[in-house]
Amino acid sequence: MFNFSAFTHHSRRAAAVAVAFGTFAFAGSASAAPQAPLFPFFLLPPPATQVAPPPSVEAAPVPEERSTFELPARLRRQIVSYPSREAPGTVIIDTPNTYLYLVLGGGQAMRYGIGVGRDGFTWSGVQSVTKKAEWPDWTPPPEMIARQPYLPRHMAGGPGNPLGARAMYLGGTVYRIHGTNAPETIGTHVSSGCIRLTNEDVSDLYSRVNVGTRVIVLPMTERRADLGSAVR
C-alpha cells in the first residue's frame, strides 16, 4: 500500500533543501556582482565638481596721504626778543611782516606766523577780543557775498570750514583772528582782512588770550624791523 504521508514528508524535505540551496546560490551571486538599485528611478546626485578657487586679486594701492605742510622756520611759533611798552597779554599784529606777537613781558613775546589781508583789504587800529569760539560756524558778511556770490551763505564749523579750529572776534568788526585749513597761505597777503594762523597755532593762542584782550593792528606803512631773534 502506498504510504502517502511518507511521500509527502519526503517531498517537503526536498522542497526545503531546494529552497535553501537556491537561497544560498542567490546570495553567492549577489556577493559576486554588484546589485542593481532596487528603485532605479531614484537617481543620486552626481558627485560635486571641484571648482578651482578664483585667482587672487591684488588690492588697489592706497594713495599716499598728502604730506603735512611745514612752515618756514621764521613763521613757526617761538619766543623772541620783543621790547614793548604794551602790557603782557597784548596782541600785536605786524601786518607788513606777517607776524602776530603776544606780549609776554620782560622784553619777550610769543611770535606766530600769520596770513593777512590782500592788497586793498588790510586795515589798522585797536580792537579787543569780544568773543571766542571753538570750531566756529562761518557766515560770510554781505559785502563778501557781493564780491564772491558763489560763497555759501552759511557753513557749519569743522575741519573743512575756512575759519579753522578757533576764532577770536575783534570788536564789532567783521574781522577775526582764526585758524585755517590752508596752512600754505601763512606768510602771505591773501585774506579779506582777517588774521589767520595754522590750526595748531590758533589753538595755542586761543588758550592764552581772554575776552577783553587788547589787539593792536599795525598798518602796512609801519614796517617794523624784524626783531625775531629766538630766545628759546
Protein backbone atom coordinates (compact mmCIF):
# COMPACT_ATOMS: atom_id res chain seq x y z
CA MET A 1 0.00 0.00 0.00
CA PHE A 2 1.29 3.41 -0.95
CA ASN A 3 2.32 5.49 2.08
CA PHE A 4 1.04 8.88 1.16
CA SER A 5 2.17 10.57 4.37
CA ALA A 6 5.75 9.37 3.96
CA PHE A 7 5.86 10.63 0.42
CA THR A 8 4.54 13.97 1.49
CA HIS A 9 7.11 14.18 4.24
CA HIS A 10 10.00 13.46 1.82
CA SER A 11 8.62 15.92 -0.69
CA ARG A 12 8.54 18.62 1.90
CA ARG A 13 12.17 17.93 2.90
CA ALA A 14 13.25 18.02 -0.74
CA ALA A 15 11.50 21.28 -1.27
CA ALA A 16 13.10 22.77 1.82
CA VAL A 17 16.56 21.70 0.64
CA ALA A 18 15.89 23.16 -2.79
CA VAL A 19 14.78 26.44 -1.32
CA ALA A 20 17.80 26.58 0.95
CA PHE A 21 20.12 25.77 -1.95
CA GLY A 22 18.50 28.44 -4.12
CA THR A 23 18.78 30.99 -1.40
CA PHE A 24 22.47 30.19 -0.94
CA ALA A 25 23.10 30.38 -4.66
CA PHE A 26 21.31 33.76 -4.93
CA ALA A 27 23.28 35.13 -2.02
CA GLY A 28 26.55 33.96 -3.55
CA SER A 29 25.79 35.50 -6.92
CA ALA A 30 24.72 38.70 -5.24
CA SER A 31 28.00 38.96 -3.37
CA ALA A 32 29.95 38.28 -6.54
CA ALA A 33 28.35 41.01 -8.63
CA PRO A 34 27.16 44.49 -7.66
CA GLN A 35 23.49 44.72 -7.03
CA ALA A 36 21.34 46.87 -9.21
CA PRO A 37 19.39 49.50 -7.32
CA LEU A 38 16.01 48.38 -6.23
CA PHE A 39 14.45 51.63 -7.37
CA PRO A 40 16.50 52.77 -10.38
CA PHE A 41 14.35 55.86 -10.93
CA PHE A 42 15.65 57.40 -7.66
CA LEU A 43 18.94 58.78 -9.02
CA LEU A 44 21.64 60.01 -6.68
CA PRO A 45 23.08 63.49 -7.40
CA PRO A 46 26.32 63.44 -9.38
CA PRO A 47 29.48 63.99 -7.36
CA ALA A 48 30.25 67.65 -6.80
CA THR A 49 32.66 69.06 -9.32
CA GLN A 50 35.65 70.63 -7.63
CA VAL A 51 35.95 74.22 -8.75
CA ALA A 52 39.35 75.84 -8.67
CA PRO A 53 39.49 78.92 -6.42
CA PRO A 54 39.41 82.22 -8.28
CA PRO A 55 42.76 83.85 -8.84
CA SER A 56 43.72 86.19 -6.06
CA VAL A 57 43.09 89.85 -6.83
CA GLU A 58 45.63 92.31 -5.54
CA ALA A 59 44.21 95.21 -3.58
CA ALA A 60 44.41 98.53 -5.31
CA PRO A 61 47.30 100.57 -3.95
CA VAL A 62 46.22 103.13 -1.37
CA PRO A 63 47.31 106.61 -2.43
CA GLU A 64 49.74 108.23 -0.09
CA GLU A 65 48.30 110.89 2.13
CA ARG A 66 49.18 114.43 1.32
CA SER A 67 52.33 115.31 3.19
CA THR A 68 51.89 117.74 6.06
CA PHE A 69 52.84 121.26 5.09
CA GLU A 70 55.81 122.51 7.08
CA LEU A 71 56.05 126.20 7.82
CA PRO A 72 59.31 128.00 7.08
CA ALA A 73 61.42 128.46 10.20
CA ARG A 74 60.66 132.17 10.51
CA LEU A 75 56.90 131.53 10.62
CA ARG A 76 56.95 128.84 13.28
CA ARG A 77 55.69 129.63 16.77
CA GLN A 78 58.56 130.73 19.00
CA ILE A 79 59.51 133.05 21.84
CA VAL A 80 61.51 136.01 20.59
CA SER A 81 63.02 139.22 21.91
CA TYR A 82 60.41 141.94 21.61
CA PRO A 83 60.83 145.16 23.59
CA SER A 84 57.41 146.77 24.01
CA ARG A 85 55.63 149.18 26.29
CA GLU A 86 52.41 147.23 25.92
CA ALA A 87 51.15 145.22 28.88
CA PRO A 88 51.72 141.47 28.92
CA GLY A 89 48.84 139.71 27.21
CA THR A 90 48.50 142.33 24.47
CA VAL A 91 48.30 141.04 20.90
CA ILE A 92 50.14 143.00 18.22
CA ILE A 93 49.55 142.27 14.54
CA ASP A 94 52.62 143.12 12.46
CA THR A 95 50.82 143.26 9.13
CA PRO A 96 53.83 144.02 6.85
CA ASN A 97 55.96 141.19 8.25
CA THR A 98 53.04 138.74 8.66
CA TYR A 99 53.67 138.14 12.37
CA LEU A 100 51.42 138.11 15.41
CA TYR A 101 53.09 138.91 18.74
CA LEU A 102 51.66 138.02 22.11
CA VAL A 103 53.49 140.24 24.58
CA LEU A 104 54.91 138.20 27.47
CA GLY A 105 56.73 141.00 29.30
CA GLY A 106 60.40 141.27 30.16
CA GLY A 107 61.24 142.18 26.57
CA GLN A 108 59.85 138.96 25.13
CA ALA A 109 56.87 137.86 23.08
CA MET A 110 55.44 134.71 21.59
CA ARG A 111 55.57 135.14 17.84
CA TYR A 112 53.30 133.38 15.35
CA GLY A 113 53.37 133.40 11.56
CA ILE A 114 50.12 134.71 10.09
CA GLY A 115 48.30 135.38 6.85
CA VAL A 116 46.89 138.89 6.44
CA GLY A 117 44.65 140.89 4.11
CA ARG A 118 45.50 141.04 0.45
CA ASP A 119 46.12 144.31 -1.35
CA GLY A 120 43.23 146.67 -0.68
CA PHE A 121 41.94 144.68 2.30
CA THR A 122 44.45 145.50 5.01
CA TRP A 123 43.38 147.67 7.92
CA SER A 124 44.80 149.01 11.17
CA GLY A 125 43.63 150.16 14.56
CA VAL A 126 43.00 148.97 18.09
CA GLN A 127 40.32 146.45 18.89
CA SER A 128 39.63 143.91 21.61
CA VAL A 129 38.58 140.28 21.64
CA THR A 130 34.83 140.31 22.18
CA LYS A 131 34.08 136.64 21.55
CA LYS A 132 35.87 133.30 21.35
CA ALA A 133 34.63 130.17 19.59
CA GLU A 134 35.89 126.64 19.02
CA TRP A 135 35.30 125.20 15.54
CA PRO A 136 33.18 128.23 14.68
CA ASP A 137 30.46 128.39 12.06
CA TRP A 138 31.09 130.73 9.14
CA THR A 139 28.56 133.21 7.80
CA PRO A 140 30.20 135.40 5.14
CA PRO A 141 29.21 139.07 5.56
CA PRO A 142 27.05 140.68 2.84
CA GLU A 143 29.95 142.66 1.39
CA MET A 144 31.91 139.44 0.89
CA ILE A 145 28.90 137.77 -0.73
CA ALA A 146 28.61 140.75 -3.09
CA ARG A 147 32.23 140.26 -4.18
CA GLN A 148 32.07 136.47 -4.30
CA PRO A 149 28.44 135.41 -4.91
CA TYR A 150 29.44 131.74 -5.17
CA LEU A 151 30.26 131.58 -1.44
CA PRO A 152 27.93 129.62 0.84
CA ARG A 153 25.55 131.68 2.95
CA HIS A 154 26.42 129.60 5.99
CA MET A 155 28.84 126.81 6.77
CA ALA A 156 28.89 124.74 9.94
CA GLY A 157 32.12 124.51 11.89
CA GLY A 158 34.50 121.66 11.20
CA PRO A 159 37.79 120.72 9.55
CA GLY A 160 36.61 121.98 6.16
CA ASN A 161 35.47 125.36 7.46
CA PRO A 162 37.67 128.32 6.37
CA LEU A 163 37.73 129.63 9.96
CA GLY A 164 39.56 126.53 11.14
CA ALA A 165 39.74 125.27 14.70
CA ARG A 166 39.35 128.51 16.68
CA ALA A 167 38.23 132.10 16.19
CA MET A 168 38.60 135.28 18.21
CA TYR A 169 36.23 138.03 17.11
CA LEU A 170 37.51 141.60 17.08
CA GLY A 171 35.19 144.30 18.43
CA GLY A 172 32.11 144.98 16.34
CA THR A 173 34.00 144.44 13.07
CA VAL A 174 33.70 141.58 10.60
CA TYR A 175 37.33 140.68 11.27
CA ARG A 176 38.60 137.73 13.27
CA ILE A 177 41.79 136.05 14.28
CA HIS A 178 41.14 132.48 13.22
CA GLY A 179 42.60 129.21 12.04
CA THR A 180 42.86 127.91 8.52
CA ASN A 181 42.72 124.63 6.64
CA ALA A 182 45.21 126.07 4.12
CA PRO A 183 48.47 126.37 6.12
CA GLU A 184 50.41 127.18 2.94
CA THR A 185 48.81 130.63 2.97
CA ILE A 186 50.57 131.58 6.21
CA GLY A 187 53.08 134.34 5.50
CA THR A 188 51.07 135.70 2.57
CA HIS A 189 48.66 138.56 1.91
CA VAL A 190 45.58 136.62 0.90
CA SER A 191 42.56 137.23 3.14
CA SER A 192 39.72 139.75 3.09
CA GLY A 193 41.10 141.39 6.23
CA CYS A 194 41.01 138.58 8.80
CA ILE A 195 44.16 137.36 10.50
CA ARG A 196 44.78 133.66 10.03
CA LEU A 197 47.08 131.18 11.77
CA THR A 198 47.57 127.45 11.42
CA ASN A 199 45.03 125.45 13.41
CA GLU A 200 47.75 124.38 15.82
CA ASP A 201 48.92 127.94 16.40
CA VAL A 202 45.46 129.45 16.71
CA SER A 203 44.58 126.79 19.30
CA ASP A 204 47.68 127.75 21.26
CA LEU A 205 46.89 131.47 21.07
CA TYR A 206 43.26 130.79 21.96
CA SER A 207 44.37 129.15 25.20
CA ARG A 208 46.46 132.21 26.14
CA VAL A 209 44.07 135.09 25.50
CA ASN A 210 40.77 136.02 27.07
CA VAL A 211 37.73 138.02 26.06
CA GLY A 212 38.74 141.66 26.52
CA THR A 213 42.33 141.16 25.29
CA ARG A 214 43.69 144.28 23.59
CA VAL A 215 44.60 143.79 19.92
CA ILE A 216 46.75 146.33 18.05
CA VAL A 217 46.83 146.02 14.26
CA LEU A 218 49.77 147.86 12.68
CA PRO A 219 49.29 149.46 9.24
CA MET A 220 51.19 148.34 6.17
CA THR A 221 53.15 151.59 6.13
CA GLU A 222 54.54 150.95 9.58
CA ARG A 223 57.06 148.30 8.69
CA ARG A 224 58.86 147.45 11.88
CA ALA A 225 62.27 145.81 11.80
CA ASP A 226 62.12 142.08 12.35
CA LEU A 227 63.11 141.54 15.97
CA GLY A 228 62.66 137.82 15.63
CA SER A 229 65.78 136.53 17.30
CA ALA A 230 64.50 133.48 19.10
CA VAL A 231 65.37 133.24 22.78
CA ARG A 232 64.48 129.54 23.04
